[in-house]
Amino acid sequence: MKNVIWEKIKLAGTEIWIVIRDTIRDWLDDNIPTYGAALAFYTIFSIAPLLLIMVAVVGFIFGESAATGQLEEYMSQLMGADLARTIQNFVLDAYEPTSGIIATVISLGIILFMATTIITQLKNALNNIWNVTTKKEASGFKRFLIDRIVALGLILIFASLFVLTMMMEFVMKGLESFLDPIMPGGIGIWSTVNNIVSFLVLVFLFSIIFKMLPDIRIRWSDVAVGAVITALLFLLGRYLIGIYMGVATTSTYGAAGSFVVFLIWVYYNAMVFFLGAEFTYVYTMRYGARIRPASHAIITKWYADSPDEDAYGGG
């Protein structure tokens, strides 16, 4: 019996090592640092319109001031107060209200285009990770338009999740004030519940990205495993980059300090996110169901350089 248990432990250890090895290997082979740098670059132009759309959606329900204040609070928790304030200044300085129908339409078009650019760049990186590309006959303006619509839909989903999170936080605060007098220590319990809910929202967010963006057909169950690992990596990365931000003050980089620190923050988190995406790819290829490219896409390389289609997925 002991030998059987030991063999199972060794087998599990071997499988874990193979997944880690292949994840890191593919992360390096896919030239992920370059994609991270490109994502950071596009974020410069996309962050302001992206936040404008989210504030507009959330503000429609809760009011603009409440949406802006809550967004600032979340950004402060995510990247620190100084960096969050810098991003808000990007939004305020980049866009002023326009007058006239033509000017408004043009401004709206520019905002939508720039906001969806970062999502399409993310899609390109994920397609590279999954080794899929758009067929030549399927490319063109129609595909460009579809990709932008999908990107906008994803942004609206992000905004909806933000609305849901705000509503849950309001409920949590109400329960805290109600239960604290009759349940000493209840605040700590609800704080833990709030952290768990925030983690689950993050998992759901990554699941949607991995499911919707790449040009592949993949099961939710396979996506969920990768999303959980990516969320854990993201939280670990947020902790580590938080330590760095505490050491690297904006004065280190002179006049452009806040801007440089923001780029570092985006780049670092992109590296962590793409590492989670690579894990999702490796896990799905080894243990998940067979994946298929979308109707407008083709697979450019088999997993582990195998020419056999059966290499894609174990189910």
C-alpha atoms as a PDB file:
ATOM      1  CA  MET A   1       0.000   0.000   0.000  1.00  0.00           C
ATOM      2  CA  LYS A   2       2.816   2.396   0.894  1.00  0.00           C
ATOM      3  CA  ASN A   3       4.493   1.692  -2.447  1.00  0.00           C
ATOM      4  CA  VAL A   4       1.273   2.475  -4.305  1.00  0.00           C
ATOM      5  CA  ILE A   5       0.855   5.768  -2.440  1.00  0.00           C
ATOM      6  CA  TRP A   6       4.504   6.665  -3.026  1.00  0.00           C
ATOM      7  CA  GLU A   7       4.184   5.915  -6.753  1.00  0.00           C
ATOM      8  CA  LYS A   8       1.112   8.153  -6.971  1.00  0.00           C
ATOM      9  CA  ILE A   9       2.958  10.945  -5.183  1.00  0.00           C
ATOM     10  CA  LYS A  10       5.921  10.589  -7.562  1.00  0.00           C
ATOM     11  CA  LEU A  11       3.607  10.557 -10.577  1.00  0.00           C
ATOM     12  CA  ALA A  12       1.803  13.685  -9.350  1.00  0.00           C
ATOM     13  CA  GLY A  13       5.131  15.402  -8.684  1.00  0.00           C
ATOM     14  CA  THR A  14       6.339  14.516 -12.181  1.00  0.00           C
ATOM     15  CA  GLU A  15       3.167  15.889 -13.774  1.00  0.00           C
ATOM     16  CA  ILE A  16       3.398  19.116 -11.770  1.00  0.00           C
ATOM     17  CA  TRP A  17       7.027  19.529 -12.817  1.00  0.00           C
ATOM     18  CA  ILE A  18       6.162  18.948 -16.494  1.00  0.00           C
ATOM     19  CA  VAL A  19       3.375  21.543 -16.382  1.00  0.00           C
ATOM     20  CA  ILE A  20       5.645  24.113 -14.711  1.00  0.00           C
ATOM     21  CA  ARG A  21       8.492  23.348 -17.127  1.00  0.00           C
ATOM     22  CA  ASP A  22       6.302  23.586 -20.226  1.00  0.00           C
ATOM     23  CA  THR A  23       4.605  26.751 -18.969  1.00  0.00           C
ATOM     24  CA  ILE A  24       7.924  28.537 -18.487  1.00  0.00           C
ATOM     25  CA  ARG A  25       9.301  27.138 -21.764  1.00  0.00           C
ATOM     26  CA  ASP A  26       6.302  28.355 -23.760  1.00  0.00           C
ATOM     27  CA  TRP A  27       6.358  31.701 -21.936  1.00  0.00           C
ATOM     28  CA  LEU A  28       9.911  32.201 -23.180  1.00  0.00           C
ATOM     29  CA  ASP A  29       9.347  30.727 -26.665  1.00  0.00           C
ATOM     30  CA  ASP A  30       6.302  32.919 -27.284  1.00  0.00           C
ATOM     31  CA  ASN A  31       8.371  36.041 -26.589  1.00  0.00           C
ATOM     32  CA  ILE A  32       5.924  37.173 -23.921  1.00  0.00           C
ATOM     33  CA  PRO A  33       8.081  40.085 -22.639  1.00  0.00           C
ATOM     34  CA  THR A  34       7.639  41.732 -26.045  1.00  0.00           C
ATOM     35  CA  TYR A  35       3.860  41.347 -25.843  1.00  0.00           C
ATOM     36  CA  GLY A  36       3.945  42.748 -22.316  1.00  0.00           C
ATOM     37  CA  ALA A  37       5.838  45.801 -23.542  1.00  0.00           C
ATOM     38  CA  ALA A  38       3.370  46.255 -26.414  1.00  0.00           C
ATOM     39  CA  LEU A  39       0.441  45.973 -24.003  1.00  0.00           C
ATOM     40  CA  ALA A  40       2.001  48.606 -21.736  1.00  0.00           C
ATOM     41  CA  PHE A  41       2.458  50.888 -24.762  1.00  0.00           C
ATOM     42  CA  TYR A  42      -1.160  50.524 -25.911  1.00  0.00           C
ATOM     43  CA  THR A  43      -2.352  51.059 -22.342  1.00  0.00           C
ATOM     44  CA  ILE A  44      -0.975  54.600 -22.512  1.00  0.00           C
ATOM     45  CA  PHE A  45      -3.593  55.452 -25.130  1.00  0.00           C
ATOM     46  CA  SER A  46      -6.374  53.126 -23.961  1.00  0.00           C
ATOM     47  CA  ILE A  47      -6.534  53.609 -20.191  1.00  0.00           C
ATOM     48  CA  ALA A  48      -8.320  56.985 -20.244  1.00  0.00           C
ATOM     49  CA  PRO A  49     -11.104  56.046 -22.723  1.00  0.00           C
ATOM     50  CA  LEU A  50     -11.441  52.630 -21.076  1.00  0.00           C
ATOM     51  CA  LEU A  51     -12.068  54.224 -17.684  1.00  0.00           C
ATOM     52  CA  LEU A  52     -14.383  56.809 -19.244  1.00  0.00           C
ATOM     53  CA  ILE A  53     -16.615  54.049 -20.615  1.00  0.00           C
ATOM     54  CA  MET A  54     -16.628  52.207 -17.287  1.00  0.00           C
ATOM     55  CA  VAL A  55     -17.452  55.381 -15.349  1.00  0.00           C
ATOM     56  CA  ALA A  56     -20.255  56.153 -17.822  1.00  0.00           C
ATOM     57  CA  VAL A  57     -21.808  52.694 -17.389  1.00  0.00           C
ATOM     58  CA  VAL A  58     -21.440  52.609 -13.598  1.00  0.00           C
ATOM     59  CA  GLY A  59     -22.411  56.271 -13.273  1.00  0.00           C
ATOM     60  CA  PHE A  60     -25.653  55.572 -15.143  1.00  0.00           C
ATOM     61  CA  ILE A  61     -26.699  53.400 -12.174  1.00  0.00           C
ATOM     62  CA  PHE A  62     -24.996  54.947  -9.145  1.00  0.00           C
ATOM     63  CA  GLY A  63     -24.259  58.472 -10.322  1.00  0.00           C
ATOM     64  CA  GLU A  64     -21.032  59.861 -11.761  1.00  0.00           C
ATOM     65  CA  SER A  65     -19.535  61.046  -8.458  1.00  0.00           C
ATOM     66  CA  ALA A  66     -20.161  57.688  -6.754  1.00  0.00           C
ATOM     67  CA  ALA A  67     -18.717  55.807  -9.727  1.00  0.00           C
ATOM     68  CA  THR A  68     -15.620  58.001  -9.865  1.00  0.00           C
ATOM     69  CA  GLY A  69     -15.044  57.773  -6.116  1.00  0.00           C
ATOM     70  CA  GLN A  70     -15.465  54.001  -6.023  1.00  0.00           C
ATOM     71  CA  LEU A  71     -13.206  53.548  -9.047  1.00  0.00           C
ATOM     72  CA  GLU A  72     -10.529  55.668  -7.382  1.00  0.00           C
ATOM     73  CA  GLU A  73     -10.795  53.529  -4.241  1.00  0.00           C
ATOM     74  CA  TYR A  74     -10.402  50.281  -6.184  1.00  0.00           C
ATOM     75  CA  MET A  75      -7.494  51.653  -8.194  1.00  0.00           C
ATOM     76  CA  SER A  76      -5.818  52.807  -4.981  1.00  0.00           C
ATOM     77  CA  GLN A  77      -6.113  49.296  -3.559  1.00  0.00           C
ATOM     78  CA  LEU A  78      -4.786  47.811  -6.781  1.00  0.00           C
ATOM     79  CA  MET A  79      -1.879  50.105  -7.582  1.00  0.00           C
ATOM     80  CA  GLY A  80      -1.475  52.555  -4.704  1.00  0.00           C
ATOM     81  CA  ALA A  81      -2.935  56.006  -4.075  1.00  0.00           C
ATOM     82  CA  ASP A  82      -0.273  57.997  -5.954  1.00  0.00           C
ATOM     83  CA  LEU A  83      -0.497  55.889  -9.097  1.00  0.00           C
ATOM     84  CA  ALA A  84      -4.302  55.862  -8.980  1.00  0.00           C
ATOM     85  CA  ARG A  85      -4.289  59.657  -8.769  1.00  0.00           C
ATOM     86  CA  THR A  86      -1.989  59.802 -11.793  1.00  0.00           C
ATOM     87  CA  ILE A  87      -4.379  57.656 -13.840  1.00  0.00           C
ATOM     88  CA  GLN A  88      -7.312  59.857 -12.874  1.00  0.00           C
ATOM     89  CA  ASN A  89      -5.351  62.875 -14.052  1.00  0.00           C
ATOM     90  CA  PHE A  90      -4.849  61.097 -17.392  1.00  0.00           C
ATOM     91  CA  VAL A  91      -8.615  60.835 -17.715  1.00  0.00           C
ATOM     92  CA  LEU A  92      -9.321  64.431 -16.679  1.00  0.00           C
ATOM     93  CA  ASP A  93      -6.581  65.966 -18.826  1.00  0.00           C
ATOM     94  CA  ALA A  94      -7.116  63.872 -21.953  1.00  0.00           C
ATOM     95  CA  TYR A  95     -10.808  64.516 -22.503  1.00  0.00           C
ATOM     96  CA  GLU A  96     -12.930  67.605 -22.195  1.00  0.00           C
ATOM     97  CA  PRO A  97     -16.661  67.831 -22.989  1.00  0.00           C
ATOM     98  CA  THR A  98     -17.260  68.692 -26.646  1.00  0.00           C
ATOM     99  CA  SER A  99     -20.028  70.784 -28.147  1.00  0.00           C
ATOM    100  CA  GLY A 100     -21.849  70.011 -31.378  1.00  0.00           C
ATOM    101  CA  ILE A 101     -23.168  66.750 -32.804  1.00  0.00           C
ATOM    102  CA  ILE A 102     -20.290  66.161 -35.234  1.00  0.00           C
ATOM    103  CA  ALA A 103     -17.623  66.804 -32.605  1.00  0.00           C
ATOM    104  CA  THR A 104     -19.447  64.544 -30.146  1.00  0.00           C
ATOM    105  CA  VAL A 105     -19.735  61.700 -32.666  1.00  0.00           C
ATOM    106  CA  ILE A 106     -16.069  61.995 -33.620  1.00  0.00           C
ATOM    107  CA  SER A 107     -15.006  62.079 -29.967  1.00  0.00           C
ATOM    108  CA  LEU A 108     -17.161  59.041 -29.191  1.00  0.00           C
ATOM    109  CA  GLY A 109     -15.666  57.149 -32.136  1.00  0.00           C
ATOM    110  CA  ILE A 110     -12.125  57.952 -31.013  1.00  0.00           C
ATOM    111  CA  ILE A 111     -12.905  56.924 -27.430  1.00  0.00           C
ATOM    112  CA  LEU A 112     -14.396  53.587 -28.528  1.00  0.00           C
ATOM    113  CA  PHE A 113     -11.515  52.871 -30.908  1.00  0.00           C
ATOM    114  CA  MET A 114      -8.832  53.650 -28.345  1.00  0.00           C
ATOM    115  CA  ALA A 115     -10.607  51.796 -25.527  1.00  0.00           C
ATOM    116  CA  THR A 116     -10.933  48.622 -27.607  1.00  0.00           C
ATOM    117  CA  THR A 117      -7.345  48.772 -28.872  1.00  0.00           C
ATOM    118  CA  ILE A 118      -5.887  47.331 -25.678  1.00  0.00           C
ATOM    119  CA  ILE A 119      -8.423  44.460 -25.785  1.00  0.00           C
ATOM    120  CA  THR A 120      -7.525  43.583 -29.380  1.00  0.00           C
ATOM    121  CA  GLN A 121      -3.839  43.675 -28.457  1.00  0.00           C
ATOM    122  CA  LEU A 122      -4.622  41.277 -25.602  1.00  0.00           C
ATOM    123  CA  LYS A 123      -6.439  39.045 -28.099  1.00  0.00           C
ATOM    124  CA  ASN A 124      -3.381  38.984 -30.387  1.00  0.00           C
ATOM    125  CA  ALA A 125      -1.158  37.931 -27.488  1.00  0.00           C
ATOM    126  CA  LEU A 126      -3.550  35.147 -26.433  1.00  0.00           C
ATOM    127  CA  ASN A 127      -3.795  33.917 -30.030  1.00  0.00           C
ATOM    128  CA  ASN A 128      -0.017  33.737 -30.083  1.00  0.00           C
ATOM    129  CA  ILE A 129      -0.055  31.687 -26.870  1.00  0.00           C
ATOM    130  CA  TRP A 130      -2.670  29.300 -28.297  1.00  0.00           C
ATOM    131  CA  ASN A 131      -0.838  29.112 -31.648  1.00  0.00           C
ATOM    132  CA  VAL A 132      -3.810  30.236 -33.723  1.00  0.00           C
ATOM    133  CA  THR A 133      -4.105  32.912 -36.371  1.00  0.00           C
ATOM    134  CA  THR A 134      -6.846  34.341 -38.570  1.00  0.00           C
ATOM    135  CA  LYS A 135      -7.263  32.771 -42.005  1.00  0.00           C
ATOM    136  CA  LYS A 136      -6.222  35.053 -44.842  1.00  0.00           C
ATOM    137  CA  GLU A 137      -9.639  34.824 -46.474  1.00  0.00           C
ATOM    138  CA  ALA A 138     -11.322  35.724 -43.160  1.00  0.00           C
ATOM    139  CA  SER A 139      -9.223  38.819 -42.466  1.00  0.00           C
ATOM    140  CA  GLY A 140     -10.227  42.293 -43.533  1.00  0.00           C
ATOM    141  CA  PHE A 141     -12.543  45.070 -42.413  1.00  0.00           C
ATOM    142  CA  LYS A 142     -15.346  42.690 -41.410  1.00  0.00           C
ATOM    143  CA  ARG A 143     -13.066  40.763 -39.040  1.00  0.00           C
ATOM    144  CA  PHE A 144     -11.640  44.064 -37.753  1.00  0.00           C
ATOM    145  CA  LEU A 145     -15.159  45.278 -36.978  1.00  0.00           C
ATOM    146  CA  ILE A 146     -16.168  42.002 -35.291  1.00  0.00           C
ATOM    147  CA  ASP A 147     -13.045  42.054 -33.112  1.00  0.00           C
ATOM    148  CA  ARG A 148     -13.798  45.626 -32.033  1.00  0.00           C
ATOM    149  CA  ILE A 149     -17.410  44.741 -31.190  1.00  0.00           C
ATOM    150  CA  VAL A 150     -16.249  41.758 -29.114  1.00  0.00           C
ATOM    151  CA  ALA A 151     -13.720  44.015 -27.370  1.00  0.00           C
ATOM    152  CA  LEU A 152     -16.433  46.561 -26.577  1.00  0.00           C
ATOM    153  CA  GLY A 153     -18.669  43.776 -25.273  1.00  0.00           C
ATOM    154  CA  LEU A 154     -15.877  42.631 -23.000  1.00  0.00           C
ATOM    155  CA  ILE A 155     -15.441  46.176 -21.673  1.00  0.00           C
ATOM    156  CA  LEU A 156     -19.161  46.339 -20.896  1.00  0.00           C
ATOM    157  CA  ILE A 157     -18.860  43.008 -19.055  1.00  0.00           C
ATOM    158  CA  PHE A 158     -15.995  44.503 -17.021  1.00  0.00           C
ATOM    159  CA  ALA A 159     -18.208  47.466 -16.186  1.00  0.00           C
ATOM    160  CA  SER A 160     -21.076  45.148 -15.220  1.00  0.00           C
ATOM    161  CA  LEU A 161     -18.782  43.209 -12.897  1.00  0.00           C
ATOM    162  CA  PHE A 162     -17.711  46.502 -11.375  1.00  0.00           C
ATOM    163  CA  VAL A 163     -21.369  47.406 -10.795  1.00  0.00           C
ATOM    164  CA  LEU A 164     -21.978  44.003  -9.202  1.00  0.00           C
ATOM    165  CA  THR A 165     -18.936  44.423  -6.973  1.00  0.00           C
ATOM    166  CA  MET A 166     -20.124  47.861  -5.854  1.00  0.00           C
ATOM    167  CA  MET A 167     -23.579  46.512  -5.029  1.00  0.00           C
ATOM    168  CA  MET A 168     -22.115  43.621  -3.040  1.00  0.00           C
ATOM    169  CA  GLU A 169     -19.842  46.009  -1.159  1.00  0.00           C
ATOM    170  CA  PHE A 170     -22.806  48.193  -0.228  1.00  0.00           C
ATOM    171  CA  VAL A 171     -24.633  45.088   1.030  1.00  0.00           C
ATOM    172  CA  MET A 172     -21.563  43.980   2.998  1.00  0.00           C
ATOM    173  CA  LYS A 173     -21.251  47.383   4.663  1.00  0.00           C
ATOM    174  CA  GLY A 174     -24.933  47.325   5.558  1.00  0.00           C
ATOM    175  CA  LEU A 175     -24.618  43.859   7.083  1.00  0.00           C
ATOM    176  CA  GLU A 176     -21.524  44.919   9.021  1.00  0.00           C
ATOM    177  CA  SER A 177     -23.293  47.879  10.621  1.00  0.00           C
ATOM    178  CA  PHE A 178     -26.321  45.705  11.408  1.00  0.00           C
ATOM    179  CA  LEU A 179     -24.517  42.637  12.787  1.00  0.00           C
ATOM    180  CA  ASP A 180     -21.593  44.252  14.594  1.00  0.00           C
ATOM    181  CA  PRO A 181     -23.626  45.254  17.708  1.00  0.00           C
ATOM    182  CA  ILE A 182     -25.038  41.724  18.097  1.00  0.00           C
ATOM    183  CA  MET A 183     -22.037  39.757  16.798  1.00  0.00           C
ATOM    184  CA  PRO A 184     -18.689  41.046  18.123  1.00  0.00           C
ATOM    185  CA  GLY A 185     -15.916  40.303  15.670  1.00  0.00           C
ATOM    186  CA  GLY A 186     -18.369  40.159  12.792  1.00  0.00           C
ATOM    187  CA  ILE A 187     -16.424  42.802  10.857  1.00  0.00           C
ATOM    188  CA  GLY A 188     -13.473  40.450  10.534  1.00  0.00           C
ATOM    189  CA  ILE A 189     -15.740  37.697   9.232  1.00  0.00           C
ATOM    190  CA  TRP A 190     -17.342  39.932   6.640  1.00  0.00           C
ATOM    191  CA  SER A 191     -13.945  41.249   5.616  1.00  0.00           C
ATOM    192  CA  THR A 192     -12.862  37.679   4.921  1.00  0.00           C
ATOM    193  CA  VAL A 193     -16.062  37.033   2.974  1.00  0.00           C
ATOM    194  CA  ASN A 194     -15.446  40.222   0.989  1.00  0.00           C
ATOM    195  CA  ASN A 195     -11.916  39.081   0.107  1.00  0.00           C
ATOM    196  CA  ILE A 196     -13.211  35.693  -1.027  1.00  0.00           C
ATOM    197  CA  VAL A 197     -15.879  37.328  -3.184  1.00  0.00           C
ATOM    198  CA  SER A 198     -13.266  39.659  -4.712  1.00  0.00           C
ATOM    199  CA  PHE A 199     -11.112  36.638  -5.561  1.00  0.00           C
ATOM    200  CA  LEU A 200     -14.067  34.856  -7.184  1.00  0.00           C
ATOM    201  CA  VAL A 201     -14.849  37.962  -9.243  1.00  0.00           C
ATOM    202  CA  LEU A 202     -11.227  37.989 -10.407  1.00  0.00           C
ATOM    203  CA  VAL A 203     -11.468  34.302 -11.360  1.00  0.00           C
ATOM    204  CA  PHE A 204     -14.669  34.980 -13.295  1.00  0.00           C
ATOM    205  CA  LEU A 205     -13.033  37.920 -15.062  1.00  0.00           C
ATOM    206  CA  PHE A 206     -10.056  35.839 -16.203  1.00  0.00           C
ATOM    207  CA  SER A 207     -12.396  33.016 -17.235  1.00  0.00           C
ATOM    208  CA  ILE A 208     -14.298  35.375 -19.521  1.00  0.00           C
ATOM    209  CA  ILE A 209     -11.074  36.706 -21.052  1.00  0.00           C
ATOM    210  CA  PHE A 210      -9.675  33.217 -21.709  1.00  0.00           C
ATOM    211  CA  LYS A 211     -13.011  32.019 -23.101  1.00  0.00           C
ATOM    212  CA  MET A 212     -14.002  34.974 -25.283  1.00  0.00           C
ATOM    213  CA  LEU A 213     -10.808  36.520 -26.613  1.00  0.00           C
ATOM    214  CA  PRO A 214      -8.677  33.777 -28.238  1.00  0.00           C
ATOM    215  CA  ASP A 215      -9.845  32.376 -31.585  1.00  0.00           C
ATOM    216  CA  ILE A 216     -10.401  28.908 -30.103  1.00  0.00           C
ATOM    217  CA  ARG A 217     -13.246  26.824 -28.744  1.00  0.00           C
ATOM    218  CA  ILE A 218     -12.503  25.691 -25.215  1.00  0.00           C
ATOM    219  CA  ARG A 219     -14.592  24.294 -22.350  1.00  0.00           C
ATOM    220  CA  TRP A 220     -15.468  26.447 -19.345  1.00  0.00           C
ATOM    221  CA  SER A 221     -14.102  23.755 -17.024  1.00  0.00           C
ATOM    222  CA  ASP A 222     -10.644  23.997 -18.615  1.00  0.00           C
ATOM    223  CA  VAL A 223     -10.773  27.791 -18.587  1.00  0.00           C
ATOM    224  CA  ALA A 224     -11.779  27.823 -14.906  1.00  0.00           C
ATOM    225  CA  VAL A 225      -8.678  25.912 -13.775  1.00  0.00           C
ATOM    226  CA  GLY A 226      -6.403  28.330 -15.605  1.00  0.00           C
ATOM    227  CA  ALA A 227      -8.369  31.314 -14.295  1.00  0.00           C
ATOM    228  CA  VAL A 228      -7.932  30.194 -10.671  1.00  0.00           C
ATOM    229  CA  ILE A 229      -4.164  29.796 -11.106  1.00  0.00           C
ATOM    230  CA  THR A 230      -3.960  33.121 -12.965  1.00  0.00           C
ATOM    231  CA  ALA A 231      -5.884  34.873 -10.172  1.00  0.00           C
ATOM    232  CA  LEU A 232      -3.506  33.433  -7.565  1.00  0.00           C
ATOM    233  CA  LEU A 233      -0.494  34.501  -9.642  1.00  0.00           C
ATOM    234  CA  PHE A 234      -2.052  37.936 -10.116  1.00  0.00           C
ATOM    235  CA  LEU A 235      -2.554  38.412  -6.363  1.00  0.00           C
ATOM    236  CA  LEU A 236       1.008  37.274  -5.706  1.00  0.00           C
ATOM    237  CA  GLY A 237       2.251  39.618  -8.418  1.00  0.00           C
ATOM    238  CA  ARG A 238       0.239  42.494  -6.957  1.00  0.00           C
ATOM    239  CA  TYR A 239       1.885  41.885  -3.590  1.00  0.00           C
ATOM    240  CA  LEU A 240       5.379  41.811  -5.111  1.00  0.00           C
ATOM    241  CA  ILE A 241       4.877  44.871  -7.305  1.00  0.00           C
ATOM    242  CA  GLY A 242       3.430  46.630  -4.241  1.00  0.00           C
ATOM    243  CA  ILE A 243       6.720  46.034  -2.444  1.00  0.00           C
ATOM    244  CA  TYR A 244       8.592  47.441  -5.435  1.00  0.00           C
ATOM    245  CA  MET A 245       6.325  50.487  -5.624  1.00  0.00           C
ATOM    246  CA  GLY A 246       7.042  51.161  -1.973  1.00  0.00           C
ATOM    247  CA  VAL A 247      10.763  51.287  -2.733  1.00  0.00           C
ATOM    248  CA  ALA A 248      10.806  52.882  -6.193  1.00  0.00           C
ATOM    249  CA  THR A 249       9.387  56.351  -5.630  1.00  0.00           C
ATOM    250  CA  THR A 250       8.390  58.554  -8.539  1.00  0.00           C
ATOM    251  CA  SER A 251      11.338  60.852  -7.810  1.00  0.00           C
ATOM    252  CA  THR A 252      13.632  58.053  -8.978  1.00  0.00           C
ATOM    253  CA  TYR A 253      12.591  58.750 -12.570  1.00  0.00           C
ATOM    254  CA  GLY A 254      12.505  62.540 -12.455  1.00  0.00           C
ATOM    255  CA  ALA A 255       9.709  64.588 -14.034  1.00  0.00           C
ATOM    256  CA  ALA A 256       8.103  61.578 -15.741  1.00  0.00           C
ATOM    257  CA  GLY A 257       8.173  59.523 -12.532  1.00  0.00           C
ATOM    258  CA  SER A 258       4.452  58.724 -12.211  1.00  0.00           C
ATOM    259  CA  PHE A 259       4.222  57.883 -15.901  1.00  0.00           C
ATOM    260  CA  VAL A 260       7.203  55.500 -15.770  1.00  0.00           C
ATOM    261  CA  VAL A 261       5.968  53.800 -12.595  1.00  0.00           C
ATOM    262  CA  PHE A 262       2.575  53.285 -14.255  1.00  0.00           C
ATOM    263  CA  LEU A 263       4.220  51.612 -17.258  1.00  0.00           C
ATOM    264  CA  ILE A 264       6.237  49.366 -14.935  1.00  0.00           C
ATOM    265  CA  TRP A 265       3.051  48.415 -13.101  1.00  0.00           C
ATOM    266  CA  VAL A 266       1.235  47.511 -16.343  1.00  0.00           C
ATOM    267  CA  TYR A 267       4.234  45.618 -17.728  1.00  0.00           C
ATOM    268  CA  TYR A 268       4.734  43.566 -14.568  1.00  0.00           C
ATOM    269  CA  ASN A 269       1.066  42.612 -14.301  1.00  0.00           C
ATOM    270  CA  ALA A 270       0.982  41.752 -18.004  1.00  0.00           C
ATOM    271  CA  MET A 271       3.868  39.331 -17.441  1.00  0.00           C
ATOM    272  CA  VAL A 272       1.969  37.680 -14.593  1.00  0.00           C
ATOM    273  CA  PHE A 273      -1.274  37.511 -16.600  1.00  0.00           C
ATOM    274  CA  PHE A 274       0.437  35.962 -19.625  1.00  0.00           C
ATOM    275  CA  LEU A 275       2.158  33.426 -17.367  1.00  0.00           C
ATOM    276  CA  GLY A 276      -1.303  32.376 -16.200  1.00  0.00           C
ATOM    277  CA  ALA A 277      -2.464  32.214 -19.824  1.00  0.00           C
ATOM    278  CA  GLU A 278       0.484  29.966 -20.700  1.00  0.00           C
ATOM    279  CA  PHE A 279      -0.439  27.692 -17.790  1.00  0.00           C
ATOM    280  CA  THR A 280      -4.029  27.543 -19.069  1.00  0.00           C
ATOM    281  CA  TYR A 281      -2.728  26.520 -22.495  1.00  0.00           C
ATOM    282  CA  VAL A 282      -0.418  23.807 -21.138  1.00  0.00           C
ATOM    283  CA  TYR A 283      -3.020  22.470 -18.702  1.00  0.00           C
ATOM    284  CA  THR A 284      -5.723  22.299 -21.374  1.00  0.00           C
ATOM    285  CA  MET A 285      -3.421  20.611 -23.871  1.00  0.00           C
ATOM    286  CA  ARG A 286      -2.376  17.936 -21.366  1.00  0.00           C
ATOM    287  CA  TYR A 287      -5.527  17.310 -19.347  1.00  0.00           C
ATOM    288  CA  GLY A 288      -8.429  19.209 -20.888  1.00  0.00           C
ATOM    289  CA  ALA A 289     -10.916  18.488 -23.646  1.00  0.00           C
ATOM    290  CA  ARG A 290      -9.905  18.680 -27.296  1.00  0.00           C
ATOM    291  CA  ILE A 291      -9.816  22.293 -28.452  1.00  0.00           C
ATOM    292  CA  ARG A 292     -10.727  23.564 -31.892  1.00  0.00           C
ATOM    293  CA  PRO A 293      -9.885  26.812 -33.653  1.00  0.00           C
ATOM    294  CA  ALA A 294     -12.736  29.179 -34.431  1.00  0.00           C
ATOM    295  CA  SER A 295     -14.231  28.939 -37.915  1.00  0.00           C
ATOM    296  CA  HIS A 296     -12.208  31.928 -39.107  1.00  0.00           C
ATOM    297  CA  ALA A 297      -8.885  30.746 -37.603  1.00  0.00           C
ATOM    298  CA  ILE A 298      -6.298  28.001 -38.071  1.00  0.00           C
ATOM    299  CA  ILE A 299      -3.796  26.324 -35.746  1.00  0.00           C
ATOM    300  CA  THR A 300      -0.208  27.161 -36.657  1.00  0.00           C
ATOM    301  CA  LYS A 301       1.646  24.731 -34.374  1.00  0.00           C
ATOM    302  CA  TRP A 302       0.749  21.621 -32.400  1.00  0.00           C
ATOM    303  CA  TYR A 303       1.431  21.378 -28.698  1.00  0.00           C
ATOM    304  CA  ALA A 304       4.991  20.216 -27.920  1.00  0.00           C
ATOM    305  CA  ASP A 305       5.696  20.403 -31.685  1.00  0.00           C
ATOM    306  CA  SER A 306       3.574  17.306 -32.290  1.00  0.00           C
ATOM    307  CA  PRO A 307       2.030  17.003 -35.796  1.00  0.00           C
ATOM    308  CA  ASP A 308      -0.729  14.824 -34.327  1.00  0.00           C
ATOM    309  CA  GLU A 309      -4.073  16.534 -33.818  1.00  0.00           C
ATOM    310  CA  ASP A 310      -4.715  14.197 -30.872  1.00  0.00           C
ATOM    311  CA  ALA A 311      -2.078  16.158 -28.956  1.00  0.00           C
ATOM    312  CA  TYR A 312      -4.765  18.776 -28.405  1.00  0.00           C
ATOM    313  CA  GLY A 313      -6.495  17.838 -25.205  1.00  0.00           C
ATOM    314  CA  GLY A 314      -6.962  14.650 -23.334  1.00  0.00           C
ATOM    315  CA  GLY A 315     -10.721  14.369 -23.545  1.00  0.00           C
END
